Amino acid sequence: MLILAFDTSSKTASVAVLQDNTVLYESLINIGLNHSEVLLPGIEQACLRTGIKISEFDLFACTIGPGSFTGLRIGASTMKGFMLATGKPAVGISSLAALACNAGMHSTLIYPVMDAGRGQVYTACFQFDQNGIPEQVEQESIMNPGDIQYDRHQKMIILGDGVVKYRDVFPAMTGKNITILPSSHQYIRASSVCFLGREKYERKELLDADTFVPLYLRSPDAELKK
């Protein structure tokens, strides 16, 4: 199975190509440009490097939130375009679940924390199942980083750009049971979106191009200002 996956939920963008269990190509784009300027060129480069045409992919996968309103809208629009143009299936992946994959397979709880802007973060809780898939055990939420409450008696891993940005808050939460991963683990990888996407495809949890919308968790900045 050939899978094309991409992430546009945060400041970075990522594109990956998976063939069965092998990652053929992956890129992380972090040059400060709008996702509308880098996503399609990034996908074009992935196709060029792998020699695979868009029409040859069996499945498309992308993150559908939570995350940047503009980024998610660009990713969703691109996904819908591919679905309508090729007739191929597609799946949507939680950006927090994809970020949780950076922790590697652990029996401990995983808390990905994404910067949500305006002094807030997106977070949820995951635990890996026996197949190495992060299963969500707490609902996604948006909150002030200082309001997050962790059980210090429970072993857990915390990671993400929200931890990096609010590093002055999270050290107070450290303890023998809490591990905060370094900044090298803060970026969502499209290869993780590939593997999670394949698992969703096997469960037949497919997107409908006419009805699916990203998970925003709050209204866009423009609407709030209005």
Protein backbone atom coordinates (compact mmCIF):
# COMPACT_ATOMS: atom_id res chain seq x y z
CA MET A 1 0.00 0.00 0.00
CA LEU A 2 1.23 3.47 -0.93
CA ILE A 3 0.31 6.28 1.45
CA LEU A 4 0.87 10.02 1.11
CA ALA A 5 0.56 11.89 4.39
CA PHE A 6 1.05 15.48 5.49
CA ASP A 7 0.74 17.68 8.56
CA THR A 8 -0.10 21.40 8.62
CA SER A 9 -1.44 21.72 12.16
CA SER A 10 1.41 23.78 13.64
CA LYS A 11 4.16 26.18 12.55
CA THR A 12 5.97 23.38 10.73
CA ALA A 13 4.74 21.33 7.80
CA SER A 14 5.69 17.74 7.08
CA VAL A 15 5.19 15.38 4.13
CA ALA A 16 5.88 11.64 3.99
CA VAL A 17 5.44 8.66 1.69
CA LEU A 18 4.97 5.15 3.08
CA GLN A 19 5.12 1.93 1.09
CA ASP A 20 3.87 -0.96 3.22
CA ASN A 21 6.17 -0.73 6.27
CA THR A 22 8.90 1.39 4.68
CA VAL A 23 9.12 5.18 4.82
CA LEU A 24 10.30 6.10 1.32
CA TYR A 25 10.41 9.83 1.91
CA GLU A 26 9.88 12.36 4.69
CA SER A 27 10.46 16.09 4.97
CA LEU A 28 9.99 18.67 7.69
CA ILE A 29 9.51 22.26 6.52
CA ASN A 30 10.23 24.96 9.08
CA ILE A 31 11.22 28.09 7.16
CA GLY A 32 8.61 30.54 8.42
CA LEU A 33 6.42 30.56 5.29
CA ASN A 34 2.65 30.08 5.20
CA HIS A 35 1.57 26.48 4.66
CA SER A 36 -0.16 27.56 1.45
CA GLU A 37 3.31 28.39 0.09
CA VAL A 38 5.08 25.17 1.10
CA LEU A 39 2.59 22.28 1.22
CA LEU A 40 1.97 21.64 -2.48
CA PRO A 41 5.66 22.21 -3.41
CA GLY A 42 6.55 19.82 -0.57
CA ILE A 43 4.17 17.18 -1.93
CA GLU A 44 5.48 17.73 -5.45
CA GLN A 45 9.03 17.17 -4.18
CA ALA A 46 7.95 13.96 -2.43
CA CYS A 47 6.45 12.66 -5.68
CA LEU A 48 9.53 13.69 -7.63
CA ARG A 49 11.94 11.98 -5.22
CA THR A 50 9.95 8.75 -5.03
CA GLY A 51 8.82 8.66 -8.66
CA ILE A 52 5.21 8.18 -7.56
CA LYS A 53 2.32 10.10 -9.12
CA ILE A 54 -0.57 11.41 -7.04
CA SER A 55 -2.92 9.07 -8.90
CA GLU A 56 -0.83 6.06 -7.83
CA PHE A 57 -1.31 6.50 -4.08
CA ASP A 58 -3.74 4.11 -2.44
CA LEU A 59 -4.50 6.32 0.56
CA PHE A 60 -4.15 9.92 1.69
CA ALA A 61 -3.77 10.93 5.34
CA CYS A 62 -3.49 14.29 7.06
CA THR A 63 -3.79 15.78 10.52
CA ILE A 64 -7.21 17.34 11.13
CA GLY A 65 -6.60 19.05 14.45
CA PRO A 66 -6.43 20.46 16.90
CA GLY A 67 -4.02 23.11 15.71
CA SER A 68 -3.61 26.28 13.68
CA PHE A 69 -6.91 27.35 12.13
CA THR A 70 -5.25 28.48 8.89
CA GLY A 71 -2.94 25.48 8.71
CA LEU A 72 -5.72 22.96 9.27
CA ARG A 73 -7.91 24.66 6.67
CA ILE A 74 -5.10 24.46 4.10
CA GLY A 75 -4.47 20.80 4.89
CA ALA A 76 -8.18 19.92 4.70
CA SER A 77 -8.62 21.75 1.40
CA THR A 78 -5.63 19.96 -0.09
CA MET A 79 -6.92 16.61 1.13
CA LYS A 80 -10.38 17.20 -0.33
CA GLY A 81 -8.79 18.17 -3.65
CA PHE A 82 -6.84 14.92 -3.80
CA MET A 83 -9.89 12.86 -2.84
CA LEU A 84 -12.10 14.44 -5.49
CA ALA A 85 -9.42 14.36 -8.20
CA THR A 86 -8.35 10.75 -7.69
CA GLY A 87 -11.35 9.03 -6.09
CA LYS A 88 -8.95 7.47 -3.55
CA PRO A 89 -9.82 7.08 0.16
CA ALA A 90 -8.48 9.34 2.90
CA VAL A 91 -8.26 9.37 6.68
CA GLY A 92 -7.92 12.14 9.25
CA ILE A 93 -5.47 11.88 12.14
CA SER A 94 -5.41 13.70 15.47
CA SER A 95 -2.41 16.01 15.51
CA LEU A 96 -1.97 15.20 19.21
CA ALA A 97 -1.92 11.46 18.47
CA ALA A 98 0.71 12.00 15.78
CA LEU A 99 2.78 14.06 18.22
CA ALA A 100 2.44 11.36 20.88
CA CYS A 101 4.22 8.95 18.52
CA ASN A 102 7.43 10.94 19.06
CA ALA A 103 7.64 9.44 22.54
CA GLY A 104 8.15 5.95 21.13
CA MET A 105 6.21 2.95 22.36
CA HIS A 106 5.82 3.11 26.15
CA SER A 107 3.51 1.63 28.74
CA THR A 108 3.36 5.03 30.47
CA LEU A 109 0.86 7.79 29.75
CA ILE A 110 1.81 10.24 26.99
CA TYR A 111 0.76 13.89 27.20
CA PRO A 112 1.42 15.78 23.94
CA VAL A 113 1.20 19.56 24.41
CA MET A 114 0.84 21.85 21.37
CA ASP A 115 1.12 25.63 21.39
CA ALA A 116 -2.37 27.05 20.71
CA GLY A 117 -1.37 30.72 20.72
CA ARG A 118 -2.74 33.45 23.02
CA GLY A 119 -1.02 31.85 26.00
CA GLN A 120 -2.84 28.52 25.68
CA VAL A 121 -2.03 24.94 24.70
CA TYR A 122 -3.83 21.95 23.21
CA THR A 123 -3.38 18.70 25.08
CA ALA A 124 -4.78 15.20 25.58
CA CYS A 125 -3.62 11.91 27.05
CA PHE A 126 -2.65 8.75 25.16
CA GLN A 127 -1.41 5.27 25.98
CA PHE A 128 0.06 2.83 23.48
CA ASP A 129 -1.82 -0.39 22.84
CA GLN A 130 -0.15 -3.75 22.21
CA ASN A 131 0.18 -2.90 18.51
CA GLY A 132 2.06 0.32 19.14
CA ILE A 133 -0.90 2.58 18.36
CA PRO A 134 -1.54 5.54 20.71
CA GLU A 135 -5.05 5.17 22.09
CA GLN A 136 -6.68 8.30 23.45
CA VAL A 137 -7.64 8.07 27.13
CA GLU A 138 -8.52 11.74 27.74
CA GLN A 139 -10.40 14.12 25.46
CA GLU A 140 -8.59 16.94 23.62
CA SER A 141 -8.77 20.25 25.44
CA ILE A 142 -7.44 23.78 25.25
CA MET A 143 -6.22 25.52 28.41
CA ASN A 144 -3.61 27.70 30.01
CA PRO A 145 -0.41 25.68 30.54
CA GLY A 146 -0.33 26.55 34.23
CA ASP A 147 -3.79 25.01 34.69
CA ILE A 148 -2.79 21.53 33.54
CA GLN A 149 -2.98 19.06 36.40
CA TYR A 150 -0.93 15.87 36.36
CA ASP A 151 -0.99 12.98 38.82
CA ARG A 152 2.57 12.92 40.14
CA HIS A 153 2.12 9.31 41.24
CA GLN A 154 1.49 8.19 37.64
CA LYS A 155 4.40 7.66 35.26
CA MET A 156 4.07 9.87 32.19
CA ILE A 157 5.89 11.52 29.31
CA ILE A 158 5.19 15.14 28.28
CA LEU A 159 6.33 16.56 24.93
CA GLY A 160 5.58 19.12 22.24
CA ASP A 161 6.18 22.72 21.21
CA GLY A 162 3.84 23.85 24.01
CA VAL A 163 6.33 22.47 26.51
CA VAL A 164 9.20 24.21 24.71
CA LYS A 165 7.40 27.57 24.58
CA TYR A 166 6.25 27.46 28.19
CA ARG A 167 9.36 25.87 29.62
CA ASP A 168 9.15 28.21 32.61
CA VAL A 169 5.87 26.52 33.65
CA PHE A 170 6.56 22.84 33.07
CA PRO A 171 9.74 22.39 35.16
CA ALA A 172 7.58 22.89 38.24
CA MET A 173 5.72 19.72 37.26
CA THR A 174 8.78 17.49 37.11
CA GLY A 175 9.21 14.57 39.45
CA LYS A 176 10.57 11.06 39.50
CA ASN A 177 7.52 9.83 37.56
CA ILE A 178 7.38 12.66 35.00
CA THR A 179 9.67 12.84 31.95
CA ILE A 180 9.70 15.95 29.78
CA LEU A 181 11.20 15.22 26.36
CA PRO A 182 13.66 17.70 24.78
CA SER A 183 12.85 20.16 21.99
CA SER A 184 14.00 17.68 19.32
CA HIS A 185 10.72 15.81 19.93
CA GLN A 186 8.41 18.80 19.45
CA TYR A 187 7.67 18.49 15.71
CA ILE A 188 4.90 16.35 14.24
CA ARG A 189 6.26 13.86 11.70
CA ALA A 190 4.22 12.95 8.65
CA SER A 191 5.60 9.41 8.83
CA SER A 192 3.64 8.99 12.07
CA VAL A 193 0.56 10.24 10.23
CA CYS A 194 1.22 7.52 7.62
CA PHE A 195 1.29 4.68 10.15
CA LEU A 196 -1.72 5.97 12.08
CA GLY A 197 -3.52 6.51 8.79
CA ARG A 198 -2.98 2.93 7.68
CA GLU A 199 -4.40 1.68 10.97
CA LYS A 200 -7.49 3.88 10.55
CA TYR A 201 -7.91 2.68 6.99
CA GLU A 202 -7.90 -0.94 8.17
CA ARG A 203 -10.68 -0.02 10.63
CA LYS A 204 -12.56 1.60 7.73
CA GLU A 205 -12.63 4.99 9.48
CA LEU A 206 -12.58 6.99 6.25
CA LEU A 207 -13.26 10.65 5.57
CA ASP A 208 -16.13 11.93 3.46
CA ALA A 209 -14.86 14.72 1.20
CA ASP A 210 -18.21 16.51 1.36
CA THR A 211 -18.65 16.55 5.12
CA PHE A 212 -15.39 16.32 7.05
CA VAL A 213 -14.11 19.40 8.87
CA PRO A 214 -11.03 19.94 11.04
CA LEU A 215 -11.15 19.90 14.84
CA TYR A 216 -10.50 23.49 15.93
CA LEU A 217 -11.53 23.43 19.65
CA ARG A 218 -12.07 27.21 19.54
CA SER A 219 -13.22 29.90 17.13
CA PRO A 220 -10.66 31.42 14.73
CA ASP A 221 -8.84 34.57 15.82
CA ALA A 222 -10.66 36.73 13.24
CA GLU A 223 -14.06 35.66 14.60
CA LEU A 224 -13.01 36.32 18.19
CA LYS A 225 -11.74 39.80 17.32
CA LYS A 226 -15.01 40.56 15.56
